[in-house]
Amino acid sequence: MSNLDARLRAAVRDIPDFPKPGIIFKDITPVLSDSALMQDTIDHFAAAFQGERIDAVVGMESRGFIFGAPLALALGTAFVPARKPGKLPYDSIGVEYELEYGTARLEMHTDAFKPDARILVIDDLLATGGTAAATHQLIRKLGGEVVACCFVIELGFLPGREALGDVPVHSVVIY
């Protein structure tokens, strides 16, 4: 276990029965309130992709935005939000997908990046992989290539990695 892994495990708190009975929600807000831990988390992901061509970082609403924008800055590249329906003001495309506790939809602007762009995807947590797989679908529809997916937390007992196929997955903490 790395020092960052241990520090994140100590900061993340479990919230039982949220958003519904039987779910144990991994609350990252304590991580966000620790600026050094937050910076070290961003630095960890940036170091993994330093020197590699990344044209944009895509973060999923909403916690992917929190990690995605600073990661894009650290890599010197663009940040692209994957949003909930009706939140984007310009021409957009979307996909419906299954969550572990329901269904959802994500959308992106049609001009979010150029075709053949190399995209790094980031979110706070990988569970069943539905949100990340939907994001991949959007990126492919726009002609982009997913280089890798980054997650602060991965629930290794769920099939998230399988949902992402052969895309490399970088998670700091795996439960």
N, C-alpha and C. Protein backbone atom coordinates (compact mmCIF):
# COMPACT_ATOMS: atom_id res chain seq x y z
N MET A 1 0.85 -1.18 0.00
CA MET A 1 0.00 0.00 0.00
C MET A 1 0.90 1.24 0.00
N SER A 2 0.64 2.14 -0.94
CA SER A 2 1.43 3.36 -1.01
C SER A 2 0.99 4.34 0.08
N ASN A 3 1.83 5.33 0.30
CA ASN A 3 1.50 6.38 1.26
C ASN A 3 0.22 7.11 0.85
N LEU A 4 0.08 7.40 -0.45
CA LEU A 4 -1.12 8.09 -0.93
C LEU A 4 -2.35 7.20 -0.71
N ASP A 5 -2.24 5.93 -1.03
CA ASP A 5 -3.34 4.99 -0.81
C ASP A 5 -3.76 5.02 0.67
N ALA A 6 -2.81 4.92 1.57
CA ALA A 6 -3.12 4.92 3.01
C ALA A 6 -3.76 6.22 3.45
N ARG A 7 -3.26 7.33 2.96
CA ARG A 7 -3.82 8.64 3.32
C ARG A 7 -5.25 8.79 2.80
N LEU A 8 -5.50 8.33 1.57
CA LEU A 8 -6.85 8.40 1.02
C LEU A 8 -7.80 7.49 1.79
N ARG A 9 -7.37 6.28 2.11
CA ARG A 9 -8.21 5.36 2.88
C ARG A 9 -8.58 5.96 4.23
N ALA A 10 -7.65 6.66 4.85
CA ALA A 10 -7.91 7.28 6.15
C ALA A 10 -8.89 8.44 6.02
N ALA A 11 -8.91 9.11 4.88
CA ALA A 11 -9.76 10.29 4.70
C ALA A 11 -11.17 9.95 4.22
N VAL A 12 -11.29 8.97 3.33
CA VAL A 12 -12.60 8.62 2.76
C VAL A 12 -13.46 7.99 3.86
N ARG A 13 -14.72 8.46 3.95
CA ARG A 13 -15.60 7.87 4.97
C ARG A 13 -16.74 7.11 4.31
N ASP A 14 -17.16 6.06 4.99
CA ASP A 14 -18.27 5.23 4.52
C ASP A 14 -19.58 5.79 5.05
N ILE A 15 -20.55 5.92 4.15
CA ILE A 15 -21.90 6.35 4.54
C ILE A 15 -22.84 5.18 4.19
N PRO A 16 -23.31 4.45 5.20
CA PRO A 16 -24.18 3.30 4.92
C PRO A 16 -25.57 3.72 4.43
N ASP A 17 -26.12 2.88 3.55
CA ASP A 17 -27.49 3.04 3.05
C ASP A 17 -27.73 4.35 2.31
N PHE A 18 -26.71 4.81 1.58
CA PHE A 18 -26.85 6.01 0.74
C PHE A 18 -26.34 5.67 -0.65
N PRO A 19 -27.07 5.96 -1.70
CA PRO A 19 -28.35 6.66 -1.78
C PRO A 19 -29.57 5.78 -1.54
N LYS A 20 -29.33 4.47 -1.30
CA LYS A 20 -30.46 3.58 -0.99
C LYS A 20 -29.96 2.47 -0.07
N PRO A 21 -30.86 1.78 0.60
CA PRO A 21 -30.45 0.71 1.51
C PRO A 21 -29.55 -0.33 0.83
N GLY A 22 -28.51 -0.74 1.54
CA GLY A 22 -27.59 -1.75 1.03
C GLY A 22 -26.35 -1.18 0.35
N ILE A 23 -26.38 0.09 -0.01
CA ILE A 23 -25.23 0.74 -0.65
C ILE A 23 -24.37 1.37 0.45
N ILE A 24 -23.06 1.17 0.37
CA ILE A 24 -22.14 1.89 1.26
C ILE A 24 -21.43 2.92 0.39
N PHE A 25 -21.80 4.18 0.56
CA PHE A 25 -21.28 5.28 -0.25
C PHE A 25 -19.90 5.67 0.26
N LYS A 26 -18.95 5.80 -0.66
CA LYS A 26 -17.60 6.26 -0.33
C LYS A 26 -17.58 7.78 -0.49
N ASP A 27 -17.55 8.49 0.63
CA ASP A 27 -17.62 9.95 0.66
C ASP A 27 -16.23 10.55 0.55
N ILE A 28 -15.98 11.26 -0.54
CA ILE A 28 -14.66 11.87 -0.77
C ILE A 28 -14.56 13.30 -0.25
N THR A 29 -15.62 13.85 0.33
CA THR A 29 -15.53 15.25 0.77
C THR A 29 -14.41 15.50 1.77
N PRO A 30 -14.06 14.54 2.65
CA PRO A 30 -12.89 14.80 3.50
C PRO A 30 -11.58 14.94 2.71
N VAL A 31 -11.48 14.26 1.58
CA VAL A 31 -10.30 14.40 0.72
C VAL A 31 -10.25 15.83 0.17
N LEU A 32 -11.41 16.34 -0.22
CA LEU A 32 -11.47 17.68 -0.79
C LEU A 32 -11.11 18.77 0.21
N SER A 33 -11.32 18.49 1.48
CA SER A 33 -11.02 19.50 2.50
C SER A 33 -9.56 19.48 2.93
N ASP A 34 -8.78 18.55 2.39
CA ASP A 34 -7.35 18.44 2.70
C ASP A 34 -6.57 18.82 1.45
N SER A 35 -6.14 20.07 1.37
CA SER A 35 -5.50 20.56 0.14
C SER A 35 -4.24 19.79 -0.22
N ALA A 36 -3.46 19.37 0.76
CA ALA A 36 -2.24 18.61 0.46
C ALA A 36 -2.60 17.24 -0.12
N LEU A 37 -3.61 16.59 0.43
CA LEU A 37 -4.04 15.29 -0.07
C LEU A 37 -4.62 15.42 -1.48
N MET A 38 -5.39 16.45 -1.68
CA MET A 38 -5.96 16.71 -3.01
C MET A 38 -4.84 16.95 -4.02
N GLN A 39 -3.88 17.78 -3.67
CA GLN A 39 -2.76 18.06 -4.57
C GLN A 39 -1.96 16.79 -4.87
N ASP A 40 -1.71 16.00 -3.86
CA ASP A 40 -0.95 14.76 -4.06
C ASP A 40 -1.71 13.78 -4.95
N THR A 41 -3.03 13.76 -4.86
CA THR A 41 -3.84 12.90 -5.72
C THR A 41 -3.73 13.34 -7.17
N ILE A 42 -3.86 14.64 -7.41
CA ILE A 42 -3.72 15.17 -8.78
C ILE A 42 -2.31 14.91 -9.30
N ASP A 43 -1.30 15.17 -8.46
CA ASP A 43 0.10 14.94 -8.86
C ASP A 43 0.34 13.47 -9.22
N HIS A 44 -0.28 12.56 -8.49
CA HIS A 44 -0.14 11.13 -8.76
C HIS A 44 -0.61 10.80 -10.18
N PHE A 45 -1.78 11.28 -10.55
CA PHE A 45 -2.30 11.01 -11.89
C PHE A 45 -1.50 11.75 -12.96
N ALA A 46 -1.11 12.98 -12.69
CA ALA A 46 -0.33 13.76 -13.66
C ALA A 46 1.00 13.07 -13.95
N ALA A 47 1.66 12.56 -12.91
CA ALA A 47 2.94 11.88 -13.09
C ALA A 47 2.80 10.64 -13.98
N ALA A 48 1.68 9.95 -13.86
CA ALA A 48 1.46 8.74 -14.65
C ALA A 48 1.36 9.03 -16.15
N PHE A 49 0.99 10.26 -16.52
CA PHE A 49 0.77 10.58 -17.93
C PHE A 49 1.65 11.72 -18.43
N GLN A 50 2.59 12.17 -17.61
CA GLN A 50 3.52 13.22 -18.02
C GLN A 50 4.31 12.75 -19.23
N GLY A 51 4.41 13.58 -20.24
CA GLY A 51 5.16 13.24 -21.43
C GLY A 51 4.36 12.47 -22.47
N GLU A 52 3.18 12.00 -22.11
CA GLU A 52 2.32 11.30 -23.06
C GLU A 52 1.39 12.32 -23.70
N ARG A 53 1.06 12.12 -24.98
CA ARG A 53 0.16 13.06 -25.65
C ARG A 53 -1.27 12.84 -25.14
N ILE A 54 -1.75 13.81 -24.40
CA ILE A 54 -3.13 13.84 -23.93
C ILE A 54 -3.73 15.15 -24.45
N ASP A 55 -4.75 15.05 -25.29
CA ASP A 55 -5.35 16.25 -25.88
C ASP A 55 -6.43 16.85 -25.00
N ALA A 56 -7.04 16.04 -24.16
CA ALA A 56 -8.07 16.55 -23.24
C ALA A 56 -8.27 15.55 -22.11
N VAL A 57 -8.69 16.09 -20.98
CA VAL A 57 -9.13 15.28 -19.85
C VAL A 57 -10.64 15.43 -19.79
N VAL A 58 -11.36 14.31 -19.75
CA VAL A 58 -12.81 14.32 -19.62
C VAL A 58 -13.17 13.88 -18.21
N GLY A 59 -13.95 14.71 -17.53
CA GLY A 59 -14.45 14.38 -16.20
C GLY A 59 -15.96 14.30 -16.22
N MET A 60 -16.50 13.30 -15.51
CA MET A 60 -17.94 13.10 -15.48
C MET A 60 -18.56 13.88 -14.33
N GLU A 61 -19.76 14.39 -14.58
CA GLU A 61 -20.49 15.16 -13.57
C GLU A 61 -20.81 14.27 -12.38
N SER A 62 -20.61 14.75 -11.24
CA SER A 62 -20.00 16.02 -10.91
C SER A 62 -18.63 15.88 -10.28
N ARG A 63 -18.38 14.75 -9.63
CA ARG A 63 -17.10 14.63 -8.93
C ARG A 63 -15.92 14.48 -9.88
N GLY A 64 -16.15 14.03 -11.08
CA GLY A 64 -15.08 13.98 -12.09
C GLY A 64 -14.59 15.37 -12.45
N PHE A 65 -15.47 16.38 -12.31
CA PHE A 65 -15.05 17.76 -12.56
C PHE A 65 -14.01 18.19 -11.53
N ILE A 66 -14.23 17.78 -10.28
CA ILE A 66 -13.37 18.21 -9.18
C ILE A 66 -11.94 17.74 -9.40
N PHE A 67 -11.77 16.53 -9.91
CA PHE A 67 -10.44 15.99 -10.15
C PHE A 67 -9.95 16.28 -11.57
N GLY A 68 -10.88 16.38 -12.52
CA GLY A 68 -10.52 16.55 -13.92
C GLY A 68 -9.93 17.89 -14.28
N ALA A 69 -10.52 18.97 -13.78
CA ALA A 69 -10.02 20.30 -14.14
C ALA A 69 -8.59 20.51 -13.64
N PRO A 70 -8.28 20.21 -12.37
CA PRO A 70 -6.88 20.40 -11.96
C PRO A 70 -5.91 19.43 -12.64
N LEU A 71 -6.38 18.22 -12.98
CA LEU A 71 -5.51 17.30 -13.71
C LEU A 71 -5.20 17.84 -15.10
N ALA A 72 -6.21 18.39 -15.78
CA ALA A 72 -5.98 18.99 -17.09
C ALA A 72 -4.97 20.13 -16.99
N LEU A 73 -5.10 20.96 -15.98
CA LEU A 73 -4.12 22.05 -15.78
C LEU A 73 -2.73 21.50 -15.55
N ALA A 74 -2.62 20.46 -14.73
CA ALA A 74 -1.31 19.86 -14.44
C ALA A 74 -0.67 19.27 -15.70
N LEU A 75 -1.49 18.76 -16.60
CA LEU A 75 -0.99 18.17 -17.85
C LEU A 75 -0.89 19.20 -18.97
N GLY A 76 -1.35 20.43 -18.74
CA GLY A 76 -1.29 21.48 -19.75
C GLY A 76 -2.19 21.20 -20.94
N THR A 77 -3.39 20.69 -20.65
CA THR A 77 -4.32 20.34 -21.72
C THR A 77 -5.72 20.82 -21.39
N ALA A 78 -6.66 20.54 -22.28
CA ALA A 78 -8.05 20.98 -22.12
C ALA A 78 -8.81 20.10 -21.14
N PHE A 79 -9.83 20.67 -20.53
CA PHE A 79 -10.77 19.91 -19.72
C PHE A 79 -12.12 19.91 -20.42
N VAL A 80 -12.76 18.75 -20.51
CA VAL A 80 -14.07 18.60 -21.14
C VAL A 80 -15.03 17.97 -20.13
N PRO A 81 -16.15 18.63 -19.84
CA PRO A 81 -17.12 18.03 -18.93
C PRO A 81 -18.09 17.10 -19.66
N ALA A 82 -18.37 15.96 -19.05
CA ALA A 82 -19.45 15.07 -19.49
C ALA A 82 -20.59 15.35 -18.51
N ARG A 83 -21.69 15.92 -19.02
CA ARG A 83 -22.72 16.50 -18.15
C ARG A 83 -24.01 15.70 -18.13
N LYS A 84 -24.79 15.98 -17.10
CA LYS A 84 -26.16 15.46 -17.02
C LYS A 84 -27.01 16.15 -18.09
N PRO A 85 -28.15 15.57 -18.45
CA PRO A 85 -28.97 16.13 -19.53
C PRO A 85 -29.41 17.56 -19.27
N GLY A 86 -29.43 18.34 -20.35
CA GLY A 86 -29.96 19.69 -20.29
C GLY A 86 -29.04 20.73 -19.68
N LYS A 87 -27.80 20.39 -19.40
CA LYS A 87 -26.87 21.32 -18.75
C LYS A 87 -25.93 22.01 -19.73
N LEU A 88 -25.82 21.49 -20.94
CA LEU A 88 -24.89 22.07 -21.92
C LEU A 88 -25.63 23.03 -22.85
N PRO A 89 -25.09 24.22 -23.06
CA PRO A 89 -25.80 25.23 -23.83
C PRO A 89 -25.65 25.11 -25.34
N TYR A 90 -24.73 24.30 -25.83
CA TYR A 90 -24.44 24.22 -27.25
C TYR A 90 -24.88 22.86 -27.78
N ASP A 91 -24.71 22.64 -29.08
CA ASP A 91 -25.06 21.39 -29.73
C ASP A 91 -24.35 20.23 -29.01
N SER A 92 -25.12 19.22 -28.59
CA SER A 92 -24.53 18.13 -27.83
C SER A 92 -25.10 16.78 -28.26
N ILE A 93 -24.37 15.73 -27.87
CA ILE A 93 -24.83 14.36 -28.06
C ILE A 93 -24.87 13.70 -26.69
N GLY A 94 -25.62 12.60 -26.58
CA GLY A 94 -25.71 11.94 -25.29
C GLY A 94 -25.90 10.45 -25.42
N VAL A 95 -25.72 9.75 -24.28
CA VAL A 95 -25.97 8.32 -24.20
C VAL A 95 -26.64 8.01 -22.87
N GLU A 96 -27.56 7.05 -22.92
CA GLU A 96 -28.22 6.54 -21.71
C GLU A 96 -27.39 5.36 -21.20
N TYR A 97 -27.37 5.15 -19.88
CA TYR A 97 -26.62 4.04 -19.32
C TYR A 97 -27.21 3.62 -17.98
N GLU A 98 -26.81 2.42 -17.55
CA GLU A 98 -27.28 1.85 -16.29
C GLU A 98 -26.30 2.18 -15.18
N LEU A 99 -26.83 2.52 -14.02
CA LEU A 99 -26.04 2.70 -12.81
C LEU A 99 -26.31 1.51 -11.90
N GLU A 100 -25.52 1.38 -10.84
CA GLU A 100 -25.77 0.30 -9.89
C GLU A 100 -27.10 0.49 -9.17
N TYR A 101 -27.66 1.71 -9.22
CA TYR A 101 -28.93 1.97 -8.52
C TYR A 101 -29.90 2.78 -9.39
N GLY A 102 -29.91 2.54 -10.72
CA GLY A 102 -30.85 3.23 -11.60
C GLY A 102 -30.29 3.44 -12.99
N THR A 103 -30.87 4.39 -13.72
CA THR A 103 -30.38 4.74 -15.05
C THR A 103 -30.04 6.23 -15.08
N ALA A 104 -29.23 6.61 -16.06
CA ALA A 104 -28.82 8.01 -16.19
C ALA A 104 -28.46 8.29 -17.64
N ARG A 105 -28.09 9.53 -17.89
CA ARG A 105 -27.69 9.97 -19.22
C ARG A 105 -26.55 10.96 -19.06
N LEU A 106 -25.59 10.90 -19.98
CA LEU A 106 -24.50 11.87 -20.04
C LEU A 106 -24.48 12.51 -21.42
N GLU A 107 -24.05 13.77 -21.46
CA GLU A 107 -23.96 14.50 -22.72
C GLU A 107 -22.63 15.25 -22.80
N MET A 108 -22.20 15.47 -24.04
CA MET A 108 -21.01 16.28 -24.30
C MET A 108 -21.29 17.17 -25.51
N HIS A 109 -20.62 18.32 -25.55
CA HIS A 109 -20.71 19.18 -26.73
C HIS A 109 -20.11 18.45 -27.93
N THR A 110 -20.71 18.67 -29.09
CA THR A 110 -20.24 18.01 -30.31
C THR A 110 -18.86 18.52 -30.74
N ASP A 111 -18.45 19.69 -30.26
CA ASP A 111 -17.13 20.22 -30.60
C ASP A 111 -16.17 20.18 -29.41
N ALA A 112 -16.38 19.22 -28.51
CA ALA A 112 -15.59 19.13 -27.27
C ALA A 112 -14.10 18.95 -27.55
N PHE A 113 -13.77 18.23 -28.62
CA PHE A 113 -12.38 18.02 -29.02
C PHE A 113 -12.38 17.61 -30.48
N LYS A 114 -11.19 17.63 -31.09
CA LYS A 114 -11.06 17.27 -32.50
C LYS A 114 -11.05 15.75 -32.66
N PRO A 115 -11.48 15.28 -33.84
CA PRO A 115 -11.39 13.84 -34.11
C PRO A 115 -9.94 13.37 -33.94
N ASP A 116 -9.77 12.15 -33.51
CA ASP A 116 -8.47 11.53 -33.24
C ASP A 116 -7.79 12.09 -31.99
N ALA A 117 -8.51 12.87 -31.20
CA ALA A 117 -7.95 13.38 -29.94
C ALA A 117 -7.71 12.22 -28.98
N ARG A 118 -6.64 12.34 -28.22
CA ARG A 118 -6.30 11.34 -27.21
C ARG A 118 -6.84 11.84 -25.87
N ILE A 119 -7.73 11.07 -25.28
CA ILE A 119 -8.50 11.51 -24.12
C ILE A 119 -8.17 10.68 -22.89
N LEU A 120 -8.00 11.38 -21.77
CA LEU A 120 -7.83 10.76 -20.47
C LEU A 120 -9.13 11.00 -19.70
N VAL A 121 -9.73 9.94 -19.18
CA VAL A 121 -11.00 10.03 -18.46
C VAL A 121 -10.71 9.94 -16.97
N ILE A 122 -11.40 10.76 -16.16
CA ILE A 122 -11.22 10.70 -14.71
C ILE A 122 -12.55 10.85 -14.00
N ASP A 123 -12.66 10.11 -12.89
CA ASP A 123 -13.81 10.23 -12.00
C ASP A 123 -13.34 9.85 -10.60
N ASP A 124 -14.18 10.11 -9.63
CA ASP A 124 -13.79 9.80 -8.25
C ASP A 124 -13.84 8.31 -7.97
N LEU A 125 -14.80 7.58 -8.59
CA LEU A 125 -15.03 6.20 -8.19
C LEU A 125 -15.43 5.32 -9.36
N LEU A 126 -14.86 4.12 -9.42
CA LEU A 126 -15.27 3.10 -10.38
C LEU A 126 -16.02 2.02 -9.62
N ALA A 127 -17.28 1.81 -9.99
CA ALA A 127 -18.10 0.77 -9.37
C ALA A 127 -18.44 -0.25 -10.46
N THR A 128 -19.63 -0.15 -11.04
CA THR A 128 -20.03 -1.09 -12.09
C THR A 128 -19.48 -0.69 -13.45
N GLY A 129 -18.98 0.53 -13.58
CA GLY A 129 -18.39 0.98 -14.83
C GLY A 129 -19.35 1.61 -15.80
N GLY A 130 -20.62 1.75 -15.43
CA GLY A 130 -21.62 2.30 -16.34
C GLY A 130 -21.33 3.72 -16.77
N THR A 131 -20.97 4.57 -15.84
CA THR A 131 -20.70 5.97 -16.16
C THR A 131 -19.47 6.10 -17.04
N ALA A 132 -18.41 5.38 -16.69
CA ALA A 132 -17.18 5.44 -17.50
C ALA A 132 -17.41 4.85 -18.89
N ALA A 133 -18.14 3.75 -18.98
CA ALA A 133 -18.42 3.14 -20.28
C ALA A 133 -19.26 4.08 -21.15
N ALA A 134 -20.21 4.77 -20.55
CA ALA A 134 -21.01 5.75 -21.30
C ALA A 134 -20.14 6.90 -21.79
N THR A 135 -19.21 7.31 -20.95
CA THR A 135 -18.28 8.38 -21.34
C THR A 135 -17.42 7.93 -22.51
N HIS A 136 -16.94 6.69 -22.48
CA HIS A 136 -16.18 6.14 -23.60
C HIS A 136 -17.00 6.17 -24.87
N GLN A 137 -18.27 5.79 -24.75
CA GLN A 137 -19.17 5.78 -25.91
C GLN A 137 -19.28 7.19 -26.50
N LEU A 138 -19.44 8.18 -25.65
CA LEU A 138 -19.51 9.57 -26.13
C LEU A 138 -18.21 9.99 -26.82
N ILE A 139 -17.09 9.65 -26.21
CA ILE A 139 -15.79 10.01 -26.78
C ILE A 139 -15.62 9.37 -28.15
N ARG A 140 -15.96 8.10 -28.27
CA ARG A 140 -15.85 7.40 -29.56
C ARG A 140 -16.79 8.02 -30.60
N LYS A 141 -18.02 8.38 -30.19
CA LYS A 141 -18.96 9.02 -31.12
C LYS A 141 -18.39 10.31 -31.69
N LEU A 142 -17.58 10.99 -30.88
CA LEU A 142 -16.97 12.25 -31.32
C LEU A 142 -15.62 12.04 -32.00
N GLY A 143 -15.21 10.78 -32.18
CA GLY A 143 -13.98 10.47 -32.90
C GLY A 143 -12.73 10.46 -32.05
N GLY A 144 -12.87 10.49 -30.74
CA GLY A 144 -11.71 10.48 -29.86
C GLY A 144 -11.29 9.07 -29.47
N GLU A 145 -10.09 8.98 -28.90
CA GLU A 145 -9.53 7.72 -28.42
C GLU A 145 -9.30 7.84 -26.91
N VAL A 146 -9.84 6.90 -26.16
CA VAL A 146 -9.62 6.89 -24.71
C VAL A 146 -8.26 6.24 -24.44
N VAL A 147 -7.35 7.03 -23.88
CA VAL A 147 -6.00 6.56 -23.56
C VAL A 147 -6.03 5.71 -22.29
N ALA A 148 -6.76 6.19 -21.28
CA ALA A 148 -6.84 5.49 -19.99
C ALA A 148 -7.96 6.13 -19.17
N CYS A 149 -8.31 5.41 -18.10
CA CYS A 149 -9.27 5.93 -17.13
C CYS A 149 -8.59 6.00 -15.77
N CYS A 150 -8.82 7.09 -15.05
CA CYS A 150 -8.26 7.29 -13.72
C CYS A 150 -9.40 7.39 -12.71
N PHE A 151 -9.20 6.73 -11.58
CA PHE A 151 -10.18 6.78 -10.50
C PHE A 151 -9.44 6.92 -9.18
N VAL A 152 -9.96 7.75 -8.31
CA VAL A 152 -9.40 7.85 -6.97
C VAL A 152 -9.66 6.56 -6.22
N ILE A 153 -10.89 6.04 -6.35
CA ILE A 153 -11.34 4.83 -5.66
C ILE A 153 -11.91 3.85 -6.67
N GLU A 154 -11.61 2.58 -6.47
CA GLU A 154 -12.21 1.51 -7.28
C GLU A 154 -12.81 0.48 -6.34
N LEU A 155 -14.04 0.10 -6.60
CA LEU A 155 -14.68 -0.99 -5.86
C LEU A 155 -14.38 -2.27 -6.63
N GLY A 156 -13.27 -2.92 -6.27
CA GLY A 156 -12.77 -4.08 -7.00
C GLY A 156 -13.67 -5.29 -6.98
N PHE A 157 -14.63 -5.31 -6.07
CA PHE A 157 -15.56 -6.44 -5.98
C PHE A 157 -16.73 -6.28 -6.96
N LEU A 158 -16.78 -5.15 -7.68
CA LEU A 158 -17.80 -4.94 -8.71
C LEU A 158 -17.13 -5.01 -10.09
N PRO A 159 -17.91 -5.23 -11.16
CA PRO A 159 -17.33 -5.49 -12.48
C PRO A 159 -16.96 -4.24 -13.30
N GLY A 160 -16.51 -3.19 -12.64
CA GLY A 160 -16.20 -1.95 -13.35
C GLY A 160 -15.15 -2.09 -14.42
N ARG A 161 -14.07 -2.78 -14.12
CA ARG A 161 -12.98 -2.93 -15.11
C ARG A 161 -13.47 -3.67 -16.35
N GLU A 162 -14.30 -4.69 -16.16
CA GLU A 162 -14.79 -5.45 -17.31
C GLU A 162 -15.62 -4.57 -18.24
N ALA A 163 -16.36 -3.63 -17.67
CA ALA A 163 -17.19 -2.72 -18.48
C ALA A 163 -16.35 -1.81 -19.36
N LEU A 164 -15.07 -1.66 -19.02
CA LEU A 164 -14.20 -0.74 -19.75
C LEU A 164 -13.35 -1.44 -20.81
N GLY A 165 -13.51 -2.75 -20.92
CA GLY A 165 -12.78 -3.49 -21.96
C GLY A 165 -11.28 -3.44 -21.73
N ASP A 166 -10.54 -3.13 -22.81
CA ASP A 166 -9.08 -3.16 -22.72
C ASP A 166 -8.46 -1.80 -22.42
N VAL A 167 -9.27 -0.83 -22.03
CA VAL A 167 -8.75 0.50 -21.68
C VAL A 167 -8.00 0.39 -20.35
N PRO A 168 -6.76 0.89 -20.30
CA PRO A 168 -6.02 0.86 -19.03
C PRO A 168 -6.74 1.63 -17.92
N VAL A 169 -6.75 1.06 -16.73
CA VAL A 169 -7.41 1.68 -15.57
C VAL A 169 -6.35 1.97 -14.51
N HIS A 170 -6.34 3.21 -14.01
CA HIS A 170 -5.41 3.62 -12.96
C HIS A 170 -6.24 4.06 -11.76
N SER A 171 -6.23 3.26 -10.71
CA SER A 171 -6.95 3.58 -9.48
C SER A 171 -5.94 3.67 -8.34
N VAL A 172 -6.14 4.64 -7.45
CA VAL A 172 -5.23 4.79 -6.31
C VAL A 172 -5.62 3.82 -5.21
N VAL A 173 -6.89 3.80 -4.84
CA VAL A 173 -7.39 2.94 -3.76
C VAL A 173 -8.34 1.91 -4.36
N ILE A 174 -8.09 0.64 -4.06
CA ILE A 174 -8.99 -0.42 -4.51
C ILE A 174 -9.51 -1.16 -3.29
N TYR A 175 -10.83 -1.12 -3.14
CA TYR A 175 -11.50 -1.86 -2.04
C TYR A 175 -11.98 -3.18 -2.58
